[in-house]
Every structure is written in C-alpha cells, then in structure tokens.
Amino acid sequence: MLGRVRAGLVVALRGTRVPPPAVAPRWCSASGSRRAEEPPRAFDPALLGFLVCPLSKKPLRYEASTNELINEELGIAYPIIDGIPNMIPQAARTTHQNKKQEETEH
C-alpha cells in the first residue's frame, strides 16, 4: 500500500516545480550586495588560539592595522574578509619583512 501512495505522489508532483525564494537572505539586499546599514564583521582574536598557518602549522599574529593574520617565520599575510580569515595559501601575500630578508641574503 505504501508503494501505491508513493507512486501516486510521484505522479502528482512530477509536473510541479518549486519557485525560487522571493525573499533574499537577511544579510543581502535585492541586488545581492551587503546592506549599507550593516558594518563589516570584525575578526575575533579568540580564534588565534585555534588557527595556525596551513603551510608551517605555526601560530599566527593578528595585525589590526592591515586586518591580516601574519606568519612571521614565512613572511606571509593571510587576509581577513568580513571577519573571516582566508587561509588559502594562494590568497596570502608576502610581507615586506620577507623581501628585506631576501635582500640581505644576496
């Protein structure tokens, strides 16, 4: 009997489609951009107890002036976007400290 009910539902629902949601998520405007009244999220320094560099597995230092997580050893900085650290190594930039070390080695 359950099989007949399920088959009946499949036939009944086969032609129906679920319309896309008419309401945007609360953090987006109708155009998909962030609302002007919401400030960007700040980085929570408590995360430094858990986050490590994905390359060296060493602790990171938060630099508030540039809003980045710095790996002093490798001389790279991971950006923080809207309070979320981008820990992808390809997204990291080299710091000036790393460039100075290379100049003194040559």
PDB file of N, CA and C in Angstrom:
ATOM      1  N   MET A   1       0.826  -1.193   0.000  1.00  0.00           N
ATOM      2  CA  MET A   1       0.000   0.000   0.000  1.00  0.00           C
ATOM      3  C   MET A   1       0.870   1.257   0.000  1.00  0.00           C
ATOM      4  N   LEU A   2       1.960   1.228   0.770  1.00  0.00           N
ATOM      5  CA  LEU A   2       2.861   2.375   0.817  1.00  0.00           C
ATOM      6  C   LEU A   2       3.464   2.657  -0.550  1.00  0.00           C
ATOM      7  N   GLY A   3       3.723   1.594  -1.307  1.00  0.00           N
ATOM      8  CA  GLY A   3       4.262   1.752  -2.647  1.00  0.00           C
ATOM      9  C   GLY A   3       3.294   2.478  -3.566  1.00  0.00           C
ATOM     10  N   ARG A   4       2.005   2.194  -3.447  1.00  0.00           N
ATOM     11  CA  ARG A   4       0.996   2.864  -4.278  1.00  0.00           C
ATOM     12  C   ARG A   4       0.889   4.346  -3.922  1.00  0.00           C
ATOM     13  N   VAL A   5       0.958   4.634  -2.612  1.00  0.00           N
ATOM     14  CA  VAL A   5       0.871   6.027  -2.163  1.00  0.00           C
ATOM     15  C   VAL A   5       2.069   6.804  -2.700  1.00  0.00           C
ATOM     16  N   ARG A   6       3.254   6.204  -2.580  1.00  0.00           N
ATOM     17  CA  ARG A   6       4.466   6.875  -3.069  1.00  0.00           C
ATOM     18  C   ARG A   6       4.394   7.075  -4.580  1.00  0.00           C
ATOM     19  N   ALA A   7       3.935   6.067  -5.309  1.00  0.00           N
ATOM     20  CA  ALA A   7       3.809   6.186  -6.764  1.00  0.00           C
ATOM     21  C   ALA A   7       2.811   7.285  -7.124  1.00  0.00           C
ATOM     22  N   GLY A   8       1.739   7.378  -6.353  1.00  0.00           N
ATOM     23  CA  GLY A   8       0.746   8.424  -6.607  1.00  0.00           C
ATOM     24  C   GLY A   8       1.315   9.813  -6.365  1.00  0.00           C
ATOM     25  N   LEU A   9       2.139   9.944  -5.322  1.00  0.00           N
ATOM     26  CA  LEU A   9       2.772  11.228  -5.046  1.00  0.00           C
ATOM     27  C   LEU A   9       3.759  11.611  -6.144  1.00  0.00           C
ATOM     28  N   VAL A  10       4.512  10.632  -6.621  1.00  0.00           N
ATOM     29  CA  VAL A  10       5.476  10.913  -7.686  1.00  0.00           C
ATOM     30  C   VAL A  10       4.753  11.402  -8.928  1.00  0.00           C
ATOM     31  N   VAL A  11       3.671  10.755  -9.282  1.00  0.00           N
ATOM     32  CA  VAL A  11       2.898  11.173 -10.461  1.00  0.00           C
ATOM     33  C   VAL A  11       2.311  12.561 -10.241  1.00  0.00           C
ATOM     34  N   ALA A  12       1.796  12.820  -9.049  1.00  0.00           N
ATOM     35  CA  ALA A  12       1.166  14.108  -8.770  1.00  0.00           C
ATOM     36  C   ALA A  12       2.190  15.241  -8.759  1.00  0.00           C
ATOM     37  N   LEU A  13       3.403  14.966  -8.264  1.00  0.00           N
ATOM     38  CA  LEU A  13       4.410  16.012  -8.144  1.00  0.00           C
ATOM     39  C   LEU A  13       5.296  16.153  -9.367  1.00  0.00           C
ATOM     40  N   ARG A  14       5.206  15.240 -10.292  1.00  0.00           N
ATOM     41  CA  ARG A  14       6.105  15.235 -11.436  1.00  0.00           C
ATOM     42  C   ARG A  14       6.086  16.551 -12.213  1.00  0.00           C
ATOM     43  N   GLY A  15       4.950  17.162 -12.385  1.00  0.00           N
ATOM     44  CA  GLY A  15       4.857  18.391 -13.174  1.00  0.00           C
ATOM     45  C   GLY A  15       5.040  19.665 -12.373  1.00  0.00           C
ATOM     46  N   THR A  16       5.182  19.560 -11.063  1.00  0.00           N
ATOM     47  CA  THR A  16       5.298  20.768 -10.252  1.00  0.00           C
ATOM     48  C   THR A  16       6.760  21.145 -10.065  1.00  0.00           C
ATOM     49  N   ARG A  17       6.982  22.404  -9.944  1.00  0.00           N
ATOM     50  CA  ARG A  17       8.323  22.926  -9.681  1.00  0.00           C
ATOM     51  C   ARG A  17       8.245  23.865  -8.497  1.00  0.00           C
ATOM     52  N   VAL A  18       9.291  23.862  -7.720  1.00  0.00           N
ATOM     53  CA  VAL A  18       9.358  24.757  -6.568  1.00  0.00           C
ATOM     54  C   VAL A  18       9.889  26.100  -7.058  1.00  0.00           C
ATOM     55  N   PRO A  19       9.147  27.203  -6.852  1.00  0.00           N
ATOM     56  CA  PRO A  19       9.635  28.505  -7.305  1.00  0.00           C
ATOM     57  C   PRO A  19      10.821  28.953  -6.458  1.00  0.00           C
ATOM     58  N   PRO A  20      11.720  29.758  -7.037  1.00  0.00           N
ATOM     59  CA  PRO A  20      12.846  30.255  -6.243  1.00  0.00           C
ATOM     60  C   PRO A  20      12.337  31.167  -5.140  1.00  0.00           C
ATOM     61  N   PRO A  21      13.061  31.262  -4.046  1.00  0.00           N
ATOM     62  CA  PRO A  21      12.587  32.109  -2.943  1.00  0.00           C
ATOM     63  C   PRO A  21      12.504  33.573  -3.380  1.00  0.00           C
ATOM     64  N   ALA A  22      11.427  34.199  -2.986  1.00  0.00           N
ATOM     65  CA  ALA A  22      11.219  35.603  -3.356  1.00  0.00           C
ATOM     66  C   ALA A  22      11.908  36.542  -2.380  1.00  0.00           C
ATOM     67  N   VAL A  23      12.292  36.005  -1.237  1.00  0.00           N
ATOM     68  CA  VAL A  23      12.910  36.834  -0.209  1.00  0.00           C
ATOM     69  C   VAL A  23      14.409  36.537  -0.178  1.00  0.00           C
ATOM     70  N   ALA A  24      15.204  37.584  -0.275  1.00  0.00           N
ATOM     71  CA  ALA A  24      16.652  37.420  -0.198  1.00  0.00           C
ATOM     72  C   ALA A  24      17.048  37.144   1.250  1.00  0.00           C
ATOM     73  N   PRO A  25      18.193  36.470   1.461  1.00  0.00           N
ATOM     74  CA  PRO A  25      18.656  36.291   2.841  1.00  0.00           C
ATOM     75  C   PRO A  25      18.762  37.634   3.547  1.00  0.00           C
ATOM     76  N   ARG A  26      18.642  37.620   4.869  1.00  0.00           N
ATOM     77  CA  ARG A  26      18.582  38.878   5.619  1.00  0.00           C
ATOM     78  C   ARG A  26      19.844  39.710   5.497  1.00  0.00           C
ATOM     79  N   TRP A  27      20.975  39.117   5.136  1.00  0.00           N
ATOM     80  CA  TRP A  27      22.214  39.878   5.020  1.00  0.00           C
ATOM     81  C   TRP A  27      22.444  40.408   3.615  1.00  0.00           C
ATOM     82  N   CYS A  28      21.517  40.128   2.697  1.00  0.00           N
ATOM     83  CA  CYS A  28      21.663  40.614   1.317  1.00  0.00           C
ATOM     84  C   CYS A  28      20.504  41.524   0.964  1.00  0.00           C
ATOM     85  N   SER A  29      20.783  42.469   0.092  1.00  0.00           N
ATOM     86  CA  SER A  29      19.716  43.289  -0.452  1.00  0.00           C
ATOM     87  C   SER A  29      19.179  42.605  -1.695  1.00  0.00           C
ATOM     88  N   ALA A  30      18.214  43.201  -2.341  1.00  0.00           N
ATOM     89  CA  ALA A  30      17.628  42.612  -3.544  1.00  0.00           C
ATOM     90  C   ALA A  30      18.670  42.470  -4.657  1.00  0.00           C
ATOM     91  N   SER A  31      19.668  43.348  -4.670  1.00  0.00           N
ATOM     92  CA  SER A  31      20.692  43.268  -5.709  1.00  0.00           C
ATOM     93  C   SER A  31      21.770  42.252  -5.368  1.00  0.00           C
ATOM     94  N   GLY A  32      21.730  41.669  -4.161  1.00  0.00           N
ATOM     95  CA  GLY A  32      22.712  40.670  -3.766  1.00  0.00           C
ATOM     96  C   GLY A  32      23.896  41.251  -3.018  1.00  0.00           C
ATOM     97  N   SER A  33      23.951  42.573  -2.884  1.00  0.00           N
ATOM     98  CA  SER A  33      25.071  43.179  -2.161  1.00  0.00           C
ATOM     99  C   SER A  33      24.702  43.374  -0.699  1.00  0.00           C
ATOM    100  N   ARG A  34      25.707  43.591   0.113  1.00  0.00           N
ATOM    101  CA  ARG A  34      25.512  43.775   1.546  1.00  0.00           C
ATOM    102  C   ARG A  34      24.780  45.088   1.807  1.00  0.00           C
ATOM    103  N   ARG A  35      23.888  45.073   2.782  1.00  0.00           N
ATOM    104  CA  ARG A  35      23.179  46.302   3.128  1.00  0.00           C
ATOM    105  C   ARG A  35      24.133  47.319   3.725  1.00  0.00           C
ATOM    106  N   ALA A  36      23.896  48.574   3.433  1.00  0.00           N
ATOM    107  CA  ALA A  36      24.784  49.641   3.888  1.00  0.00           C
ATOM    108  C   ALA A  36      24.737  49.821   5.404  1.00  0.00           C
ATOM    109  N   GLU A  37      23.598  49.488   6.034  1.00  0.00           N
ATOM    110  CA  GLU A  37      23.498  49.734   7.466  1.00  0.00           C
ATOM    111  C   GLU A  37      24.238  48.690   8.307  1.00  0.00           C
ATOM    112  N   GLU A  38      24.647  47.573   7.727  1.00  0.00           N
ATOM    113  CA  GLU A  38      25.373  46.561   8.479  1.00  0.00           C
ATOM    114  C   GLU A  38      26.875  46.773   8.327  1.00  0.00           C
ATOM    115  N   PRO A  39      27.582  47.011   9.432  1.00  0.00           N
ATOM    116  CA  PRO A  39      29.039  47.167   9.335  1.00  0.00           C
ATOM    117  C   PRO A  39      29.689  45.814   9.079  1.00  0.00           C
ATOM    118  N   PRO A  40      30.871  45.803   8.482  1.00  0.00           N
ATOM    119  CA  PRO A  40      31.551  44.528   8.277  1.00  0.00           C
ATOM    120  C   PRO A  40      31.903  43.894   9.613  1.00  0.00           C
ATOM    121  N   ARG A  41      31.920  42.595   9.639  1.00  0.00           N
ATOM    122  CA  ARG A  41      32.228  41.881  10.877  1.00  0.00           C
ATOM    123  C   ARG A  41      33.692  42.039  11.230  1.00  0.00           C
ATOM    124  N   ALA A  42      33.949  42.124  12.516  1.00  0.00           N
ATOM    125  CA  ALA A  42      35.321  42.230  12.998  1.00  0.00           C
ATOM    126  C   ALA A  42      35.864  40.830  13.278  1.00  0.00           C
ATOM    127  N   PHE A  43      37.170  40.695  13.154  1.00  0.00           N
ATOM    128  CA  PHE A  43      37.834  39.431  13.450  1.00  0.00           C
ATOM    129  C   PHE A  43      37.850  39.203  14.953  1.00  0.00           C
ATOM    130  N   ASP A  44      37.564  37.993  15.370  1.00  0.00           N
ATOM    131  CA  ASP A  44      37.578  37.653  16.786  1.00  0.00           C
ATOM    132  C   ASP A  44      38.959  37.117  17.154  1.00  0.00           C
ATOM    133  N   PRO A  45      39.756  37.872  17.921  1.00  0.00           N
ATOM    134  CA  PRO A  45      41.103  37.425  18.279  1.00  0.00           C
ATOM    135  C   PRO A  45      41.142  36.108  19.051  1.00  0.00           C
ATOM    136  N   ALA A  46      40.022  35.683  19.611  1.00  0.00           N
ATOM    137  CA  ALA A  46      39.992  34.401  20.307  1.00  0.00           C
ATOM    138  C   ALA A  46      40.269  33.240  19.351  1.00  0.00           C
ATOM    139  N   LEU A  47      40.048  33.449  18.072  1.00  0.00           N
ATOM    140  CA  LEU A  47      40.315  32.411  17.078  1.00  0.00           C
ATOM    141  C   LEU A  47      41.800  32.108  16.939  1.00  0.00           C
ATOM    142  N   LEU A  48      42.657  33.033  17.375  1.00  0.00           N
ATOM    143  CA  LEU A  48      44.097  32.813  17.270  1.00  0.00           C
ATOM    144  C   LEU A  48      44.553  31.597  18.079  1.00  0.00           C
ATOM    145  N   GLY A  49      43.784  31.202  19.048  1.00  0.00           N
ATOM    146  CA  GLY A  49      44.096  30.007  19.824  1.00  0.00           C
ATOM    147  C   GLY A  49      43.902  28.720  19.041  1.00  0.00           C
ATOM    148  N   PHE A  50      43.130  28.801  17.946  1.00  0.00           N
ATOM    149  CA  PHE A  50      42.832  27.616  17.145  1.00  0.00           C
ATOM    150  C   PHE A  50      43.493  27.639  15.777  1.00  0.00           C
ATOM    151  N   LEU A  51      43.668  28.826  15.226  1.00  0.00           N
ATOM    152  CA  LEU A  51      44.174  28.939  13.859  1.00  0.00           C
ATOM    153  C   LEU A  51      45.691  28.835  13.813  1.00  0.00           C
ATOM    154  N   VAL A  52      46.188  28.111  12.832  1.00  0.00           N
ATOM    155  CA  VAL A  52      47.617  28.036  12.559  1.00  0.00           C
ATOM    156  C   VAL A  52      47.817  28.191  11.056  1.00  0.00           C
ATOM    157  N   CYS A  53      49.018  28.517  10.667  1.00  0.00           N
ATOM    158  CA  CYS A  53      49.337  28.646   9.242  1.00  0.00           C
ATOM    159  C   CYS A  53      49.170  27.282   8.580  1.00  0.00           C
ATOM    160  N   PRO A  54      48.460  27.213   7.464  1.00  0.00           N
ATOM    161  CA  PRO A  54      48.283  25.923   6.801  1.00  0.00           C
ATOM    162  C   PRO A  54      49.581  25.381   6.194  1.00  0.00           C
ATOM    163  N   LEU A  55      50.568  26.232   5.998  1.00  0.00           N
ATOM    164  CA  LEU A  55      51.828  25.779   5.413  1.00  0.00           C
ATOM    165  C   LEU A  55      52.817  25.303   6.466  1.00  0.00           C
ATOM    166  N   SER A  56      53.029  26.097   7.505  1.00  0.00           N
ATOM    167  CA  SER A  56      54.040  25.764   8.516  1.00  0.00           C
ATOM    168  C   SER A  56      53.456  25.171   9.789  1.00  0.00           C
ATOM    169  N   LYS A  57      52.136  25.240   9.939  1.00  0.00           N
ATOM    170  CA  LYS A  57      51.445  24.775  11.152  1.00  0.00           C
ATOM    171  C   LYS A  57      51.888  25.539  12.402  1.00  0.00           C
ATOM    172  N   LYS A  58      52.384  26.752  12.232  1.00  0.00           N
ATOM    173  CA  LYS A  58      52.832  27.611  13.339  1.00  0.00           C
ATOM    174  C   LYS A  58      51.739  28.625  13.669  1.00  0.00           C
ATOM    175  N   PRO A  59      51.738  29.173  14.903  1.00  0.00           N
ATOM    176  CA  PRO A  59      50.747  30.195  15.273  1.00  0.00           C
ATOM    177  C   PRO A  59      50.883  31.447  14.412  1.00  0.00           C
ATOM    178  N   LEU A  60      49.786  32.161  14.313  1.00  0.00           N
ATOM    179  CA  LEU A  60      49.736  33.391  13.532  1.00  0.00           C
ATOM    180  C   LEU A  60      49.556  34.587  14.460  1.00  0.00           C
ATOM    181  N   ARG A  61      49.943  35.762  13.972  1.00  0.00           N
ATOM    182  CA  ARG A  61      49.791  37.012  14.719  1.00  0.00           C
ATOM    183  C   ARG A  61      48.765  37.864  13.978  1.00  0.00           C
ATOM    184  N   TYR A  62      47.822  38.438  14.736  1.00  0.00           N
ATOM    185  CA  TYR A  62      46.809  39.306  14.135  1.00  0.00           C
ATOM    186  C   TYR A  62      47.341  40.729  14.050  1.00  0.00           C
ATOM    187  N   GLU A  63      47.287  41.298  12.865  1.00  0.00           N
ATOM    188  CA  GLU A  63      47.693  42.688  12.648  1.00  0.00           C
ATOM    189  C   GLU A  63      46.428  43.494  12.340  1.00  0.00           C
ATOM    190  N   ALA A  64      45.976  44.276  13.321  1.00  0.00           N
ATOM    191  CA  ALA A  64      44.721  45.019  13.187  1.00  0.00           C
ATOM    192  C   ALA A  64      44.806  46.117  12.129  1.00  0.00           C
ATOM    193  N   SER A  65      45.979  46.733  11.971  1.00  0.00           N
ATOM    194  CA  SER A  65      46.088  47.844  11.019  1.00  0.00           C
ATOM    195  C   SER A  65      45.874  47.399   9.574  1.00  0.00           C
ATOM    196  N   THR A  66      46.267  46.180   9.248  1.00  0.00           N
ATOM    197  CA  THR A  66      46.074  45.672   7.880  1.00  0.00           C
ATOM    198  C   THR A  66      44.972  44.625   7.808  1.00  0.00           C
ATOM    199  N   ASN A  67      44.422  44.244   8.980  1.00  0.00           N
ATOM    200  CA  ASN A  67      43.378  43.228   9.066  1.00  0.00           C
ATOM    201  C   ASN A  67      43.845  41.922   8.408  1.00  0.00           C
ATOM    202  N   GLU A  68      44.995  41.446   8.868  1.00  0.00           N
ATOM    203  CA  GLU A  68      45.587  40.231   8.321  1.00  0.00           C
ATOM    204  C   GLU A  68      46.130  39.361   9.448  1.00  0.00           C
ATOM    205  N   LEU A  69      46.288  38.078   9.136  1.00  0.00           N
ATOM    206  CA  LEU A  69      46.974  37.151  10.021  1.00  0.00           C
ATOM    207  C   LEU A  69      48.370  36.947   9.454  1.00  0.00           C
ATOM    208  N   ILE A  70      49.387  37.193  10.269  1.00  0.00           N
ATOM    209  CA  ILE A  70      50.770  37.211   9.810  1.00  0.00           C
ATOM    210  C   ILE A  70      51.507  35.960  10.287  1.00  0.00           C
ATOM    211  N   ASN A  71      52.229  35.340   9.372  1.00  0.00           N
ATOM    212  CA  ASN A  71      53.165  34.276   9.716  1.00  0.00           C
ATOM    213  C   ASN A  71      54.549  34.896   9.643  1.00  0.00           C
ATOM    214  N   GLU A  72      55.126  35.161  10.794  1.00  0.00           N
ATOM    215  CA  GLU A  72      56.433  35.829  10.866  1.00  0.00           C
ATOM    216  C   GLU A  72      57.531  34.969  10.239  1.00  0.00           C
ATOM    217  N   GLU A  73      57.478  33.673  10.469  1.00  0.00           N
ATOM    218  CA  GLU A  73      58.522  32.765  10.005  1.00  0.00           C
ATOM    219  C   GLU A  73      58.627  32.722   8.478  1.00  0.00           C
ATOM    220  N   LEU A  74      57.478  32.598   7.811  1.00  0.00           N
ATOM    221  CA  LEU A  74      57.472  32.529   6.350  1.00  0.00           C
ATOM    222  C   LEU A  74      57.363  33.890   5.686  1.00  0.00           C
ATOM    223  N   GLY A  75      56.977  34.902   6.459  1.00  0.00           N
ATOM    224  CA  GLY A  75      56.830  36.243   5.898  1.00  0.00           C
ATOM    225  C   GLY A  75      55.639  36.377   4.965  1.00  0.00           C
ATOM    226  N   ILE A  76      54.519  35.776   5.361  1.00  0.00           N
ATOM    227  CA  ILE A  76      53.305  35.882   4.557  1.00  0.00           C
ATOM    228  C   ILE A  76      52.155  36.364   5.434  1.00  0.00           C
ATOM    229  N   ALA A  77      51.158  36.964   4.786  1.00  0.00           N
ATOM    230  CA  ALA A  77      49.997  37.517   5.483  1.00  0.00           C
ATOM    231  C   ALA A  77      48.722  37.012   4.816  1.00  0.00           C
ATOM    232  N   TYR A  78      47.828  36.479   5.627  1.00  0.00           N
ATOM    233  CA  TYR A  78      46.534  35.985   5.145  1.00  0.00           C
ATOM    234  C   TYR A  78      45.488  37.077   5.379  1.00  0.00           C
ATOM    235  N   PRO A  79      44.704  37.436   4.361  1.00  0.00           N
ATOM    236  CA  PRO A  79      43.698  38.497   4.532  1.00  0.00           C
ATOM    237  C   PRO A  79      42.504  38.021   5.357  1.00  0.00           C
ATOM    238  N   ILE A  80      41.877  38.963   6.027  1.00  0.00           N
ATOM    239  CA  ILE A  80      40.637  38.698   6.760  1.00  0.00           C
ATOM    240  C   ILE A  80      39.554  39.507   6.062  1.00  0.00           C
ATOM    241  N   ILE A  81      38.557  38.812   5.548  1.00  0.00           N
ATOM    242  CA  ILE A  81      37.482  39.456   4.793  1.00  0.00           C
ATOM    243  C   ILE A  81      36.181  39.268   5.550  1.00  0.00           C
ATOM    244  N   ASP A  82      35.582  40.376   5.951  1.00  0.00           N
ATOM    245  CA  ASP A  82      34.319  40.377   6.687  1.00  0.00           C
ATOM    246  C   ASP A  82      34.403  39.512   7.937  1.00  0.00           C
ATOM    247  N   GLY A  83      35.544  39.570   8.619  1.00  0.00           N
ATOM    248  CA  GLY A  83      35.732  38.835   9.860  1.00  0.00           C
ATOM    249  C   GLY A  83      36.146  37.387   9.680  1.00  0.00           C
ATOM    250  N   ILE A  84      36.271  36.930   8.430  1.00  0.00           N
ATOM    251  CA  ILE A  84      36.613  35.534   8.162  1.00  0.00           C
ATOM    252  C   ILE A  84      38.008  35.464   7.553  1.00  0.00           C
ATOM    253  N   PRO A  85      38.940  34.769   8.211  1.00  0.00           N
ATOM    254  CA  PRO A  85      40.291  34.648   7.658  1.00  0.00           C
ATOM    255  C   PRO A  85      40.293  33.786   6.402  1.00  0.00           C
ATOM    256  N   ASN A  86      40.954  34.265   5.376  1.00  0.00           N
ATOM    257  CA  ASN A  86      41.129  33.499   4.144  1.00  0.00           C
ATOM    258  C   ASN A  86      42.465  32.782   4.264  1.00  0.00           C
ATOM    259  N   MET A  87      42.423  31.521   4.640  1.00  0.00           N
ATOM    260  CA  MET A  87      43.627  30.759   4.923  1.00  0.00           C
ATOM    261  C   MET A  87      44.137  29.975   3.714  1.00  0.00           C
ATOM    262  N   ILE A  88      43.702  30.328   2.537  1.00  0.00           N
ATOM    263  CA  ILE A  88      44.190  29.672   1.321  1.00  0.00           C
ATOM    264  C   ILE A  88      45.562  30.246   1.010  1.00  0.00           C
ATOM    265  N   PRO A  89      46.601  29.399   0.923  1.00  0.00           N
ATOM    266  CA  PRO A  89      47.959  29.910   0.701  1.00  0.00           C
ATOM    267  C   PRO A  89      48.090  30.786  -0.553  1.00  0.00           C
ATOM    268  N   GLN A  90      47.344  30.497  -1.592  1.00  0.00           N
ATOM    269  CA  GLN A  90      47.419  31.304  -2.810  1.00  0.00           C
ATOM    270  C   GLN A  90      46.871  32.712  -2.607  1.00  0.00           C
ATOM    271  N   ALA A  91      46.031  32.906  -1.580  1.00  0.00           N
ATOM    272  CA  ALA A  91      45.461  34.228  -1.300  1.00  0.00           C
ATOM    273  C   ALA A  91      46.380  35.066  -0.429  1.00  0.00           C
ATOM    274  N   ALA A  92      47.407  34.433   0.174  1.00  0.00           N
ATOM    275  CA  ALA A  92      48.317  35.160   1.057  1.00  0.00           C
ATOM    276  C   ALA A  92      49.258  36.037   0.247  1.00  0.00           C
ATOM    277  N   ARG A  93      49.694  37.111   0.870  1.00  0.00           N
ATOM    278  CA  ARG A  93      50.672  38.000   0.219  1.00  0.00           C
ATOM    279  C   ARG A  93      51.978  37.931   1.002  1.00  0.00           C
ATOM    280  N   THR A  94      53.063  38.242   0.339  1.00  0.00           N
ATOM    281  CA  THR A  94      54.337  38.283   1.053  1.00  0.00           C
ATOM    282  C   THR A  94      54.446  39.616   1.762  1.00  0.00           C
ATOM    283  N   THR A  95      55.061  39.593   2.929  1.00  0.00           N
ATOM    284  CA  THR A  95      55.229  40.813   3.703  1.00  0.00           C
ATOM    285  C   THR A  95      56.564  41.462   3.356  1.00  0.00           C
ATOM    286  N   HIS A  96      56.722  42.708   3.745  1.00  0.00           N
ATOM    287  CA  HIS A  96      57.969  43.432   3.482  1.00  0.00           C
ATOM    288  C   HIS A  96      59.137  42.791   4.215  1.00  0.00           C
ATOM    289  N   GLN A  97      58.868  42.204   5.358  1.00  0.00           N
ATOM    290  CA  GLN A  97      59.915  41.563   6.145  1.00  0.00           C
ATOM    291  C   GLN A  97      60.575  40.452   5.324  1.00  0.00           C
ATOM    292  N   ASN A  98      59.777  39.686   4.600  1.00  0.00           N
ATOM    293  CA  ASN A  98      60.300  38.603   3.777  1.00  0.00           C
ATOM    294  C   ASN A  98      61.185  39.155   2.661  1.00  0.00           C
ATOM    295  N   LYS A  99      60.795  40.272   2.059  1.00  0.00           N
ATOM    296  CA  LYS A  99      61.579  40.885   0.984  1.00  0.00           C
ATOM    297  C   LYS A  99      62.914  41.408   1.526  1.00  0.00           C
ATOM    298  N   LYS A 100      62.901  41.993   2.727  1.00  0.00           N
ATOM    299  CA  LYS A 100      64.135  42.504   3.325  1.00  0.00           C
ATOM    300  C   LYS A 100      65.106  41.371   3.620  1.00  0.00           C
ATOM    301  N   GLN A 101      64.593  40.223   4.079  1.00  0.00           N
ATOM    302  CA  GLN A 101      65.448  39.085   4.365  1.00  0.00           C
ATOM    303  C   GLN A 101      66.113  38.573   3.089  1.00  0.00           C
ATOM    304  N   GLU A 102      65.382  38.546   1.980  1.00  0.00           N
ATOM    305  CA  GLU A 102      65.939  38.083   0.717  1.00  0.00           C
ATOM    306  C   GLU A 102      67.047  39.028   0.243  1.00  0.00           C
ATOM    307  N   GLU A 103      66.847  40.334   0.451  1.00  0.00           N
ATOM    308  CA  GLU A 103      67.856  41.314   0.026  1.00  0.00           C
ATOM    309  C   GLU A 103      69.139  41.150   0.834  1.00  0.00           C
ATOM    310  N   THR A 104      69.044  40.861   2.127  1.00  0.00           N
ATOM    311  CA  THR A 104      70.239  40.733   2.952  1.00  0.00           C
ATOM    312  C   THR A 104      70.977  39.416   2.674  1.00  0.00           C
ATOM    313  N   GLU A 105      70.277  38.414   2.162  1.00  0.00           N
ATOM    314  CA  GLU A 105      70.917  37.147   1.844  1.00  0.00           C
ATOM    315  C   GLU A 105      71.751  37.248   0.570  1.00  0.00           C
ATOM    316  N   HIS A 106      71.446  38.165  -0.315  1.00  0.00           N
ATOM    317  CA  HIS A 106      72.162  38.281  -1.601  1.00  0.00           C
ATOM    318  C   HIS A 106      73.314  39.216  -1.510  1.00  0.00           C
TER     319      HIS A 106
END
